[in-house]
Structure formats: structure tokens, C-alpha cells
Amino acid sequence: MGVQQTISNLSGLLKQDPKKALVLTVLVAVLLALWGKMMLTGKSTPQAASAMLPAPIVPVSIPTSNNKQKSVDDQTLLREWVAEPLPQTVTRNIFEVKLDYYPMDAAHSLRDSRTIDDPTFWEKLAKSIDAQAEEQHKRENLIQNLRQQAGQLQVTSTLMGPRPKAMINGAMVGEGEVVAQFRVLRIEARLVVVEREGIKLVIPMK
């Protein structure tokens, strides 16, 4: 009864829309063919669906202390591994550094030992520090003396131009000339910069 009704429905659709009816007929034919194949083989599920099922857990055999074989699964193995006691003794100190693994340069070690053990090194160091302090003291004294001597220079007037001039101690001098053992470096509007023994001094106009 159902088949006759389906055929009558298909006939009605074929008259209304031949293209859709043709596609529907093909689909129904394929569905019937698959259903007939399943009925003939006697399988209720396709082989592809059975292939996607997860594989069962296979028991593993491990040797025990009594050389007997026992079958356990993965969870049992994990529990036994967690239950094993920790070793009571530590065989290696993780904080120990073995210097043999890091060899030192022979020249570097010799220099360091010579520096520590050689008394002349400390004597030379002390002499060097004393010499630097004495040199600094001499330079401070020289600067003080030169300032006193430069204080005796009297700058009364300056003449600006392409070649500036300055009246110092009653003498008109220009840049590069020497007055009272001081070399004139620069002449500005109201001051003169002089130099002696590498030390520069500023002489303001009075």
C-alpha cells in the first residue's frame, strides 16, 4: 500500500515538475538499494561506524620480583609507580661545583697568585697612589701660584674688531702675544683669557 502511494505521489510530482521528480526518484532508488543491501548482509551498522569505535584496553604483562607474570592495565601500572618509595640516600650533591670542569688559564692563575703573594705588587701600588697624590698636590699649588700672578695683570680696556686688542699692564697686545709670561688666548668685550703651562685663566677688565 505504501509503495503504490509513493508511486502515485511520484507520478503527481512528475507531472508538476519533471526535474525535481527525476532527482527525487534517483534518491529513492539509491535509498532502496542501500536498504536491500543491509537486509541481505544482515548488518545493522555500516563498517565505517564500527571502525571508528575506540580500541579496547589491552592488558600488559610485567615481570614481578618473584619472576611471575601478571596482567595489569595502564591505571594499575601508574598506581604502582606512584606507590614506589623514594630513594633514601642521595648519591650526588646538586650544589657542588667541580672546578675540574672549568679549567682556568695558566697565565691568569699565575698572575693572580703573583698579585696576591708578591709583596712588591703592594709596594708598587702604594708608591703609585702616593705619586698620584703628590702630582695632584703639585698641580694645585701651580694653579694657585698662577692665579696669584695673573691677579697682577691689569686689563684696562679692550678694542674689538677683526683683530681684537687689549690694554694689559699699560701695553696693547693682541691674541697670541705674550704678556708677563702669559699667552693671550682670547680677547672679549670685558675680559681676557690667558694661558700658561696648560692652565687657562680668565682676567676680567677692571
N, C-alpha and C. Protein backbone atom coordinates (compact mmCIF):
# COMPACT_ATOMS: atom_id res chain seq x y z
N MET A 1 0.84 -1.21 0.00
CA MET A 1 0.00 0.00 0.00
C MET A 1 0.86 1.24 0.00
N GLY A 2 1.93 1.21 0.79
CA GLY A 2 2.84 2.35 0.84
C GLY A 2 3.56 2.56 -0.46
N VAL A 3 3.92 1.46 -1.15
CA VAL A 3 4.66 1.57 -2.41
C VAL A 3 3.76 2.19 -3.47
N GLN A 4 2.50 1.75 -3.50
CA GLN A 4 1.57 2.31 -4.50
C GLN A 4 1.35 3.80 -4.26
N GLN A 5 1.24 4.19 -2.98
CA GLN A 5 1.06 5.61 -2.67
C GLN A 5 2.27 6.43 -3.07
N THR A 6 3.46 5.84 -2.85
CA THR A 6 4.70 6.53 -3.24
C THR A 6 4.76 6.70 -4.74
N ILE A 7 4.36 5.64 -5.48
CA ILE A 7 4.40 5.72 -6.94
C ILE A 7 3.42 6.77 -7.44
N SER A 8 2.23 6.81 -6.78
CA SER A 8 1.25 7.81 -7.20
C SER A 8 1.73 9.22 -6.90
N ASN A 9 2.40 9.38 -5.77
CA ASN A 9 2.97 10.70 -5.44
C ASN A 9 4.03 11.10 -6.45
N LEU A 10 4.88 10.15 -6.81
CA LEU A 10 5.91 10.43 -7.80
C LEU A 10 5.30 10.79 -9.14
N SER A 11 4.23 10.13 -9.50
CA SER A 11 3.58 10.44 -10.77
C SER A 11 3.02 11.84 -10.76
N GLY A 12 2.40 12.24 -9.57
CA GLY A 12 1.89 13.60 -9.48
C GLY A 12 2.98 14.64 -9.56
N LEU A 13 4.13 14.39 -8.87
CA LEU A 13 5.26 15.33 -8.92
C LEU A 13 5.88 15.39 -10.30
N LEU A 14 5.89 14.22 -10.97
CA LEU A 14 6.46 14.19 -12.32
C LEU A 14 5.66 15.05 -13.27
N LYS A 15 4.38 15.09 -13.05
CA LYS A 15 3.55 15.93 -13.92
C LYS A 15 3.74 17.41 -13.58
N GLN A 16 3.93 17.73 -12.28
CA GLN A 16 4.08 19.14 -11.89
C GLN A 16 5.48 19.68 -12.24
N ASP A 17 6.53 18.98 -11.80
CA ASP A 17 7.90 19.45 -12.04
C ASP A 17 8.76 18.25 -12.40
N PRO A 18 8.99 18.03 -13.68
CA PRO A 18 9.71 16.80 -14.10
C PRO A 18 11.14 16.73 -13.54
N LYS A 19 11.84 17.87 -13.41
CA LYS A 19 13.25 17.84 -12.97
C LYS A 19 13.36 17.41 -11.51
N LYS A 20 12.56 18.01 -10.66
CA LYS A 20 12.59 17.65 -9.24
C LYS A 20 12.14 16.21 -9.04
N ALA A 21 11.17 15.81 -9.79
CA ALA A 21 10.70 14.43 -9.66
C ALA A 21 11.76 13.44 -10.05
N LEU A 22 12.56 13.77 -11.09
CA LEU A 22 13.64 12.87 -11.52
C LEU A 22 14.70 12.74 -10.43
N VAL A 23 15.08 13.86 -9.81
CA VAL A 23 16.09 13.82 -8.74
C VAL A 23 15.57 13.03 -7.56
N LEU A 24 14.33 13.24 -7.19
CA LEU A 24 13.74 12.52 -6.07
C LEU A 24 13.66 11.03 -6.35
N THR A 25 13.38 10.67 -7.58
CA THR A 25 13.30 9.25 -7.96
C THR A 25 14.66 8.58 -7.81
N VAL A 26 15.71 9.31 -8.25
CA VAL A 26 17.07 8.74 -8.14
C VAL A 26 17.44 8.54 -6.68
N LEU A 27 17.13 9.51 -5.83
CA LEU A 27 17.46 9.39 -4.41
C LEU A 27 16.71 8.23 -3.76
N VAL A 28 15.45 8.08 -4.10
CA VAL A 28 14.67 6.98 -3.54
C VAL A 28 15.22 5.64 -3.99
N ALA A 29 15.68 5.57 -5.26
CA ALA A 29 16.23 4.32 -5.76
C ALA A 29 17.52 3.96 -5.03
N VAL A 30 18.36 4.98 -4.78
CA VAL A 30 19.61 4.72 -4.04
C VAL A 30 19.30 4.27 -2.63
N LEU A 31 18.33 4.92 -1.96
CA LEU A 31 17.97 4.54 -0.60
C LEU A 31 17.44 3.11 -0.53
N LEU A 32 16.64 2.73 -1.51
CA LEU A 32 16.12 1.36 -1.54
C LEU A 32 17.23 0.35 -1.77
N ALA A 33 18.20 0.71 -2.62
CA ALA A 33 19.31 -0.21 -2.88
C ALA A 33 20.14 -0.43 -1.63
N LEU A 34 20.43 0.66 -0.89
CA LEU A 34 21.19 0.51 0.36
C LEU A 34 20.42 -0.30 1.38
N TRP A 35 19.13 -0.08 1.48
CA TRP A 35 18.32 -0.82 2.44
C TRP A 35 18.29 -2.30 2.10
N GLY A 36 18.20 -2.62 0.83
CA GLY A 36 18.21 -4.02 0.40
C GLY A 36 19.54 -4.68 0.69
N LYS A 37 20.66 -3.92 0.50
CA LYS A 37 21.98 -4.48 0.78
C LYS A 37 22.15 -4.79 2.26
N MET A 38 21.68 -3.88 3.13
CA MET A 38 21.75 -4.11 4.56
C MET A 38 20.93 -5.32 4.98
N MET A 39 19.80 -5.49 4.36
CA MET A 39 18.95 -6.64 4.70
C MET A 39 19.60 -7.95 4.27
N LEU A 40 20.29 -7.91 3.12
CA LEU A 40 20.91 -9.14 2.62
C LEU A 40 22.14 -9.52 3.45
N THR A 41 22.95 -8.55 3.82
CA THR A 41 24.17 -8.85 4.60
C THR A 41 23.87 -9.13 6.05
N GLY A 42 22.77 -8.62 6.59
CA GLY A 42 22.40 -8.87 7.98
C GLY A 42 23.11 -7.99 8.98
N LYS A 43 23.74 -6.92 8.57
CA LYS A 43 24.45 -6.00 9.47
C LYS A 43 23.58 -4.78 9.69
N SER A 44 23.48 -4.39 10.94
CA SER A 44 22.63 -3.24 11.26
C SER A 44 23.38 -1.92 11.21
N THR A 45 24.74 -1.96 11.29
CA THR A 45 25.54 -0.72 11.26
C THR A 45 26.59 -0.84 10.18
N PRO A 46 26.92 0.23 9.53
CA PRO A 46 27.96 0.17 8.50
C PRO A 46 29.32 -0.15 9.10
N GLN A 47 30.21 -0.64 8.22
CA GLN A 47 31.56 -0.99 8.68
C GLN A 47 32.35 0.24 9.07
N ALA A 48 32.06 1.38 8.42
CA ALA A 48 32.80 2.60 8.76
C ALA A 48 32.52 3.04 10.19
N ALA A 49 31.27 2.84 10.63
CA ALA A 49 30.94 3.23 12.01
C ALA A 49 31.65 2.34 13.01
N SER A 50 31.76 1.06 12.71
CA SER A 50 32.44 0.16 13.63
C SER A 50 33.94 0.42 13.68
N ALA A 51 34.51 0.93 12.57
CA ALA A 51 35.94 1.22 12.56
C ALA A 51 36.29 2.41 13.43
N MET A 52 35.33 3.30 13.67
CA MET A 52 35.59 4.49 14.46
C MET A 52 35.48 4.26 15.96
N LEU A 53 35.03 3.08 16.38
CA LEU A 53 34.90 2.79 17.80
C LEU A 53 36.28 2.72 18.44
N PRO A 54 36.47 3.18 19.71
CA PRO A 54 37.79 3.13 20.36
C PRO A 54 38.24 1.70 20.60
N ALA A 55 39.55 1.52 20.46
CA ALA A 55 40.12 0.19 20.66
C ALA A 55 40.09 -0.18 22.13
N PRO A 56 39.79 -1.41 22.47
CA PRO A 56 39.75 -1.81 23.88
C PRO A 56 41.14 -1.80 24.49
N ILE A 57 41.19 -1.64 25.82
CA ILE A 57 42.45 -1.62 26.54
C ILE A 57 42.99 -3.04 26.61
N VAL A 58 44.23 -3.16 26.10
CA VAL A 58 44.86 -4.49 26.08
C VAL A 58 45.68 -4.65 27.34
N PRO A 59 45.48 -5.67 28.13
CA PRO A 59 46.30 -5.86 29.33
C PRO A 59 47.75 -6.12 28.98
N VAL A 60 48.66 -5.64 29.86
CA VAL A 60 50.09 -5.83 29.65
C VAL A 60 50.61 -6.77 30.72
N SER A 61 51.63 -7.51 30.35
CA SER A 61 52.24 -8.44 31.29
C SER A 61 53.58 -7.90 31.70
N ILE A 62 53.82 -7.77 33.00
CA ILE A 62 55.10 -7.27 33.51
C ILE A 62 55.67 -8.29 34.48
N PRO A 63 57.01 -8.37 34.54
CA PRO A 63 57.63 -9.30 35.49
C PRO A 63 57.58 -8.74 36.90
N THR A 64 57.36 -9.56 37.88
CA THR A 64 57.39 -9.17 39.29
C THR A 64 58.67 -9.67 39.93
N SER A 65 58.84 -9.34 41.24
CA SER A 65 60.05 -9.76 41.93
C SER A 65 60.15 -11.27 42.04
N ASN A 66 59.01 -11.96 41.97
CA ASN A 66 59.00 -13.42 42.05
C ASN A 66 59.07 -14.08 40.68
N ASN A 67 59.45 -13.26 39.64
CA ASN A 67 59.57 -13.76 38.26
C ASN A 67 58.26 -14.35 37.77
N LYS A 68 57.13 -13.84 38.27
CA LYS A 68 55.82 -14.28 37.79
C LYS A 68 55.25 -13.20 36.89
N GLN A 69 54.42 -13.61 35.96
CA GLN A 69 53.79 -12.70 35.04
C GLN A 69 52.38 -12.40 35.54
N LYS A 70 52.05 -11.13 35.54
CA LYS A 70 50.69 -10.78 35.91
C LYS A 70 50.16 -9.76 34.90
N SER A 71 48.89 -9.82 34.68
CA SER A 71 48.25 -8.97 33.69
C SER A 71 47.60 -7.79 34.40
N VAL A 72 48.05 -6.57 33.99
CA VAL A 72 47.53 -5.34 34.57
C VAL A 72 47.27 -4.35 33.46
N ASP A 73 46.44 -3.40 33.73
CA ASP A 73 46.19 -2.35 32.76
C ASP A 73 47.04 -1.13 33.09
N ASP A 74 46.87 -0.06 32.29
CA ASP A 74 47.70 1.13 32.45
C ASP A 74 47.46 1.83 33.78
N GLN A 75 46.24 1.86 34.25
CA GLN A 75 45.96 2.52 35.52
C GLN A 75 46.64 1.82 36.68
N THR A 76 46.68 0.50 36.64
CA THR A 76 47.36 -0.24 37.70
C THR A 76 48.86 0.03 37.68
N LEU A 77 49.44 0.10 36.47
CA LEU A 77 50.87 0.42 36.36
C LEU A 77 51.16 1.80 36.95
N LEU A 78 50.30 2.77 36.66
CA LEU A 78 50.51 4.11 37.18
C LEU A 78 50.42 4.13 38.69
N ARG A 79 49.45 3.41 39.26
CA ARG A 79 49.31 3.39 40.71
C ARG A 79 50.53 2.76 41.37
N GLU A 80 51.05 1.70 40.77
CA GLU A 80 52.22 1.05 41.35
C GLU A 80 53.45 1.95 41.28
N TRP A 81 53.56 2.70 40.17
CA TRP A 81 54.72 3.59 40.04
C TRP A 81 54.66 4.72 41.07
N VAL A 82 53.44 5.25 41.32
CA VAL A 82 53.29 6.31 42.31
C VAL A 82 53.53 5.78 43.72
N ALA A 83 53.15 4.53 43.96
CA ALA A 83 53.30 3.97 45.29
C ALA A 83 54.72 3.55 45.62
N GLU A 84 55.64 3.55 44.64
CA GLU A 84 57.02 3.13 44.91
C GLU A 84 57.68 4.12 45.86
N PRO A 85 58.45 3.66 46.85
CA PRO A 85 59.12 4.57 47.80
C PRO A 85 60.27 5.31 47.14
N LEU A 86 60.53 6.52 47.62
CA LEU A 86 61.64 7.32 47.12
C LEU A 86 62.95 6.78 47.67
N PRO A 87 64.05 6.98 46.95
CA PRO A 87 65.35 6.53 47.47
C PRO A 87 65.73 7.31 48.72
N GLN A 88 66.27 6.61 49.70
CA GLN A 88 66.59 7.22 50.98
C GLN A 88 67.90 7.98 50.97
N THR A 89 68.83 7.60 50.10
CA THR A 89 70.14 8.24 50.07
C THR A 89 70.29 9.00 48.76
N VAL A 90 70.93 10.15 48.84
CA VAL A 90 71.21 10.98 47.67
C VAL A 90 72.64 10.70 47.24
N THR A 91 72.82 10.34 46.00
CA THR A 91 74.15 9.94 45.52
C THR A 91 74.97 11.13 45.02
N ARG A 92 74.33 12.30 44.80
CA ARG A 92 75.08 13.43 44.24
C ARG A 92 74.60 14.72 44.87
N ASN A 93 75.54 15.59 45.18
CA ASN A 93 75.22 16.90 45.72
C ASN A 93 75.00 17.87 44.56
N ILE A 94 73.77 18.32 44.43
CA ILE A 94 73.45 19.17 43.27
C ILE A 94 74.04 20.57 43.42
N PHE A 95 74.47 20.94 44.62
CA PHE A 95 75.04 22.26 44.84
C PHE A 95 76.56 22.26 44.74
N GLU A 96 77.16 21.13 44.49
CA GLU A 96 78.62 21.05 44.42
C GLU A 96 79.08 21.44 43.02
N VAL A 97 80.08 22.28 42.95
CA VAL A 97 80.65 22.72 41.67
C VAL A 97 82.03 22.11 41.55
N LYS A 98 82.22 21.33 40.51
CA LYS A 98 83.52 20.71 40.27
C LYS A 98 84.36 21.64 39.40
N LEU A 99 85.42 22.16 40.01
CA LEU A 99 86.27 23.11 39.28
C LEU A 99 87.04 22.46 38.16
N ASP A 100 87.15 21.12 38.19
CA ASP A 100 87.86 20.44 37.11
C ASP A 100 87.15 20.61 35.78
N TYR A 101 85.85 20.82 35.83
CA TYR A 101 85.09 21.01 34.60
C TYR A 101 85.31 22.39 33.99
N TYR A 102 85.87 23.33 34.78
CA TYR A 102 86.08 24.69 34.31
C TYR A 102 87.56 25.04 34.48
N PRO A 103 88.42 24.59 33.59
CA PRO A 103 89.86 24.87 33.75
C PRO A 103 90.15 26.35 33.60
N MET A 104 91.10 26.83 34.40
CA MET A 104 91.49 28.24 34.38
C MET A 104 92.76 28.41 33.56
N ASP A 105 92.84 29.53 32.89
CA ASP A 105 94.03 29.83 32.10
C ASP A 105 95.26 29.86 33.01
N ALA A 106 96.34 29.22 32.56
CA ALA A 106 97.54 29.12 33.39
C ALA A 106 98.15 30.50 33.64
N ALA A 107 98.18 31.33 32.60
CA ALA A 107 98.76 32.66 32.77
C ALA A 107 97.91 33.50 33.72
N HIS A 108 96.59 33.33 33.63
CA HIS A 108 95.70 34.10 34.51
C HIS A 108 95.89 33.67 35.97
N SER A 109 95.94 32.36 36.20
CA SER A 109 96.12 31.88 37.57
C SER A 109 97.49 32.28 38.12
N LEU A 110 98.53 32.25 37.25
CA LEU A 110 99.86 32.64 37.71
C LEU A 110 99.88 34.12 38.06
N ARG A 111 99.21 34.93 37.25
CA ARG A 111 99.18 36.36 37.52
C ARG A 111 98.44 36.66 38.82
N ASP A 112 97.33 35.95 39.04
CA ASP A 112 96.57 36.18 40.27
C ASP A 112 97.37 35.78 41.51
N SER A 113 98.03 34.60 41.44
CA SER A 113 98.81 34.17 42.59
C SER A 113 99.99 35.10 42.84
N ARG A 114 100.59 35.60 41.75
CA ARG A 114 101.71 36.52 41.91
C ARG A 114 101.23 37.83 42.52
N THR A 115 100.02 38.26 42.12
CA THR A 115 99.48 39.50 42.65
C THR A 115 99.21 39.40 44.14
N ILE A 116 98.71 38.25 44.57
CA ILE A 116 98.36 38.08 45.98
C ILE A 116 99.59 37.86 46.85
N ASP A 117 100.51 37.03 46.36
CA ASP A 117 101.64 36.61 47.19
C ASP A 117 102.84 37.54 47.07
N ASP A 118 102.97 38.28 45.97
CA ASP A 118 104.17 39.09 45.75
C ASP A 118 104.05 40.39 46.54
N PRO A 119 104.93 40.64 47.52
CA PRO A 119 104.83 41.89 48.30
C PRO A 119 105.18 43.12 47.48
N THR A 120 105.98 42.94 46.43
CA THR A 120 106.37 44.12 45.64
C THR A 120 105.17 44.72 44.92
N PHE A 121 104.14 43.93 44.66
CA PHE A 121 102.94 44.46 44.00
C PHE A 121 102.29 45.52 44.87
N TRP A 122 102.14 45.23 46.16
CA TRP A 122 101.50 46.19 47.06
C TRP A 122 102.38 47.41 47.26
N GLU A 123 103.71 47.20 47.25
CA GLU A 123 104.61 48.35 47.37
C GLU A 123 104.49 49.26 46.15
N LYS A 124 104.43 48.63 44.97
CA LYS A 124 104.28 49.43 43.75
C LYS A 124 102.94 50.15 43.74
N LEU A 125 101.93 49.47 44.21
CA LEU A 125 100.61 50.10 44.25
C LEU A 125 100.61 51.29 45.19
N ALA A 126 101.21 51.12 46.35
CA ALA A 126 101.27 52.23 47.32
C ALA A 126 102.08 53.40 46.75
N LYS A 127 103.20 53.09 46.09
CA LYS A 127 104.02 54.15 45.50
C LYS A 127 103.25 54.88 44.40
N SER A 128 102.48 54.11 43.61
CA SER A 128 101.70 54.73 42.54
C SER A 128 100.65 55.67 43.11
N ILE A 129 99.99 55.25 44.17
CA ILE A 129 98.97 56.11 44.80
C ILE A 129 99.62 57.36 45.38
N ASP A 130 100.77 57.19 46.02
CA ASP A 130 101.47 58.34 46.59
C ASP A 130 101.92 59.30 45.50
N ALA A 131 102.39 58.72 44.36
CA ALA A 131 102.86 59.58 43.27
C ALA A 131 101.70 60.36 42.67
N GLN A 132 100.53 59.72 42.53
CA GLN A 132 99.37 60.44 42.00
C GLN A 132 98.93 61.54 42.95
N ALA A 133 98.96 61.26 44.24
CA ALA A 133 98.57 62.29 45.21
C ALA A 133 99.56 63.46 45.19
N GLU A 134 100.83 63.15 45.07
CA GLU A 134 101.84 64.21 45.03
C GLU A 134 101.71 65.04 43.77
N GLU A 135 101.43 64.37 42.65
CA GLU A 135 101.25 65.09 41.39
C GLU A 135 100.03 66.01 41.47
N GLN A 136 98.96 65.53 42.07
CA GLN A 136 97.77 66.36 42.23
C GLN A 136 98.06 67.56 43.12
N HIS A 137 98.83 67.32 44.16
CA HIS A 137 99.18 68.42 45.07
C HIS A 137 100.04 69.46 44.35
N LYS A 138 100.98 69.02 43.54
CA LYS A 138 101.83 69.95 42.79
C LYS A 138 100.98 70.78 41.81
N ARG A 139 100.03 70.13 41.16
CA ARG A 139 99.20 70.86 40.19
C ARG A 139 98.33 71.90 40.90
N GLU A 140 97.81 71.55 42.06
CA GLU A 140 97.01 72.53 42.80
C GLU A 140 97.85 73.72 43.23
N ASN A 141 99.09 73.46 43.65
CA ASN A 141 99.98 74.57 44.02
C ASN A 141 100.32 75.43 42.81
N LEU A 142 100.53 74.79 41.67
CA LEU A 142 100.85 75.55 40.46
C LEU A 142 99.68 76.44 40.06
N ILE A 143 98.46 75.90 40.13
CA ILE A 143 97.28 76.70 39.78
C ILE A 143 97.14 77.88 40.73
N GLN A 144 97.38 77.64 42.01
CA GLN A 144 97.27 78.72 42.99
C GLN A 144 98.30 79.81 42.71
N ASN A 145 99.54 79.43 42.39
CA ASN A 145 100.59 80.41 42.09
C ASN A 145 100.28 81.19 40.82
N LEU A 146 99.78 80.49 39.80
CA LEU A 146 99.46 81.18 38.56
C LEU A 146 98.29 82.14 38.74
N ARG A 147 97.33 81.78 39.58
CA ARG A 147 96.23 82.71 39.83
C ARG A 147 96.73 83.97 40.53
N GLN A 148 97.67 83.79 41.45
CA GLN A 148 98.22 84.97 42.12
C GLN A 148 98.97 85.86 41.14
N GLN A 149 99.74 85.24 40.23
CA GLN A 149 100.48 86.03 39.25
C GLN A 149 99.53 86.68 38.24
N ALA A 150 98.47 85.91 37.83
CA ALA A 150 97.53 86.50 36.88
C ALA A 150 96.72 87.61 37.51
N GLY A 151 96.58 87.58 38.84
CA GLY A 151 95.86 88.66 39.51
C GLY A 151 96.59 89.99 39.43
N GLN A 152 97.88 89.98 39.12
CA GLN A 152 98.65 91.21 38.99
C GLN A 152 98.47 91.85 37.60
N LEU A 153 97.84 91.13 36.68
CA LEU A 153 97.60 91.69 35.35
C LEU A 153 96.43 92.67 35.42
N GLN A 154 96.59 93.82 34.83
CA GLN A 154 95.58 94.86 34.84
C GLN A 154 95.07 95.05 33.41
N VAL A 155 93.82 94.66 33.19
CA VAL A 155 93.19 94.86 31.89
C VAL A 155 92.36 96.13 32.00
N THR A 156 92.84 97.19 31.33
CA THR A 156 92.16 98.49 31.44
C THR A 156 91.16 98.73 30.33
N SER A 157 91.40 98.17 29.16
CA SER A 157 90.47 98.40 28.05
C SER A 157 90.65 97.30 27.01
N THR A 158 89.60 97.12 26.20
CA THR A 158 89.64 96.16 25.09
C THR A 158 89.13 96.84 23.85
N LEU A 159 89.69 96.47 22.71
CA LEU A 159 89.30 97.02 21.42
C LEU A 159 88.89 95.86 20.53
N MET A 160 87.59 95.77 20.23
CA MET A 160 87.08 94.66 19.43
C MET A 160 87.16 95.00 17.96
N GLY A 161 87.30 93.98 17.14
CA GLY A 161 87.39 94.14 15.69
C GLY A 161 87.87 92.85 15.08
N PRO A 162 88.28 92.91 13.78
CA PRO A 162 88.80 91.69 13.15
C PRO A 162 90.01 91.14 13.91
N ARG A 163 90.84 92.06 14.44
CA ARG A 163 91.98 91.67 15.28
C ARG A 163 91.84 92.39 16.61
N PRO A 164 91.15 91.77 17.57
CA PRO A 164 90.92 92.48 18.84
C PRO A 164 92.23 92.72 19.59
N LYS A 165 92.22 93.85 20.33
CA LYS A 165 93.37 94.23 21.13
C LYS A 165 92.91 94.48 22.56
N ALA A 166 93.87 94.39 23.48
CA ALA A 166 93.59 94.66 24.88
C ALA A 166 94.76 95.40 25.51
N MET A 167 94.42 96.33 26.37
CA MET A 167 95.44 97.08 27.10
C MET A 167 95.68 96.36 28.43
N ILE A 168 96.85 95.69 28.55
CA ILE A 168 97.19 94.92 29.74
C ILE A 168 98.49 95.48 30.29
N ASN A 169 98.43 95.92 31.54
CA ASN A 169 99.60 96.50 32.23
C ASN A 169 100.22 97.62 31.39
N GLY A 170 99.38 98.40 30.76
CA GLY A 170 99.85 99.56 30.00
C GLY A 170 100.36 99.21 28.61
N ALA A 171 100.28 97.97 28.17
CA ALA A 171 100.76 97.58 26.84
C ALA A 171 99.59 97.06 26.01
N MET A 172 99.52 97.44 24.73
CA MET A 172 98.48 96.97 23.83
C MET A 172 98.94 95.65 23.20
N VAL A 173 98.22 94.60 23.48
CA VAL A 173 98.59 93.27 22.97
C VAL A 173 97.39 92.66 22.24
N GLY A 174 97.67 91.71 21.36
CA GLY A 174 96.62 91.00 20.63
C GLY A 174 96.62 89.53 20.99
N GLU A 175 95.71 88.83 20.36
CA GLU A 175 95.59 87.38 20.62
C GLU A 175 96.83 86.66 20.08
N GLY A 176 97.40 85.78 20.91
CA GLY A 176 98.61 85.05 20.55
C GLY A 176 99.87 85.67 21.09
N GLU A 177 99.82 86.90 21.55
CA GLU A 177 101.00 87.56 22.09
C GLU A 177 101.17 87.20 23.57
N VAL A 178 102.35 87.48 24.10
CA VAL A 178 102.70 87.11 25.47
C VAL A 178 102.91 88.38 26.27
N VAL A 179 102.32 88.37 27.46
CA VAL A 179 102.50 89.47 28.39
C VAL A 179 102.67 88.89 29.78
N ALA A 180 103.78 89.27 30.45
CA ALA A 180 104.12 88.79 31.80
C ALA A 180 104.10 87.27 31.85
N GLN A 181 104.69 86.66 30.86
CA GLN A 181 104.82 85.19 30.74
C GLN A 181 103.46 84.48 30.56
N PHE A 182 102.42 85.22 30.27
CA PHE A 182 101.12 84.63 29.96
C PHE A 182 100.81 84.88 28.49
N ARG A 183 100.34 83.86 27.80
CA ARG A 183 99.97 84.00 26.39
C ARG A 183 98.49 84.33 26.30
N VAL A 184 98.17 85.33 25.53
CA VAL A 184 96.78 85.76 25.38
C VAL A 184 96.08 84.82 24.39
N LEU A 185 95.08 84.11 24.88
CA LEU A 185 94.33 83.19 24.02
C LEU A 185 93.15 83.86 23.32
N ARG A 186 92.37 84.63 24.08
CA ARG A 186 91.16 85.22 23.52
C ARG A 186 90.87 86.54 24.20
N ILE A 187 90.42 87.48 23.40
CA ILE A 187 90.05 88.81 23.91
C ILE A 187 88.56 89.01 23.65
N GLU A 188 87.83 89.30 24.70
CA GLU A 188 86.41 89.57 24.58
C GLU A 188 86.12 91.00 25.05
N ALA A 189 84.82 91.32 25.13
CA ALA A 189 84.47 92.73 25.38
C ALA A 189 85.00 93.22 26.71
N ARG A 190 84.88 92.46 27.76
CA ARG A 190 85.28 92.95 29.08
C ARG A 190 86.15 91.93 29.82
N LEU A 191 86.80 91.04 29.10
CA LEU A 191 87.70 90.08 29.75
C LEU A 191 88.72 89.56 28.75
N VAL A 192 89.77 88.98 29.31
CA VAL A 192 90.85 88.39 28.51
C VAL A 192 91.15 87.01 29.07
N VAL A 193 91.30 86.02 28.20
CA VAL A 193 91.64 84.67 28.61
C VAL A 193 93.12 84.45 28.28
N VAL A 194 93.89 84.10 29.32
CA VAL A 194 95.32 83.85 29.15
C VAL A 194 95.62 82.41 29.51
N GLU A 195 96.83 81.96 29.11
CA GLU A 195 97.23 80.56 29.36
C GLU A 195 98.71 80.50 29.67
N ARG A 196 99.02 79.58 30.62
CA ARG A 196 100.42 79.34 30.98
C ARG A 196 100.55 77.94 31.52
N GLU A 197 101.48 77.17 30.97
CA GLU A 197 101.75 75.79 31.37
C GLU A 197 100.48 74.92 31.29
N GLY A 198 99.69 75.17 30.27
CA GLY A 198 98.49 74.37 30.04
C GLY A 198 97.31 74.73 30.90
N ILE A 199 97.43 75.80 31.71
CA ILE A 199 96.36 76.20 32.61
C ILE A 199 95.77 77.53 32.09
N LYS A 200 94.45 77.55 31.88
CA LYS A 200 93.78 78.73 31.35
C LYS A 200 93.17 79.53 32.52
N LEU A 201 93.32 80.87 32.43
CA LEU A 201 92.80 81.77 33.45
C LEU A 201 92.07 82.92 32.77
N VAL A 202 91.02 83.38 33.44
CA VAL A 202 90.21 84.49 32.93
C VAL A 202 90.56 85.74 33.72
N ILE A 203 90.93 86.83 33.00
CA ILE A 203 91.27 88.10 33.63
C ILE A 203 90.17 89.09 33.27
N PRO A 204 89.34 89.49 34.21
CA PRO A 204 88.28 90.48 33.90
C PRO A 204 88.86 91.90 33.82
N MET A 205 88.16 92.73 33.08
CA MET A 205 88.59 94.12 32.94
C MET A 205 88.20 94.89 34.20
N LYS A 206 89.11 95.70 34.73
CA LYS A 206 88.86 96.47 35.94
C LYS A 206 88.60 97.92 35.59
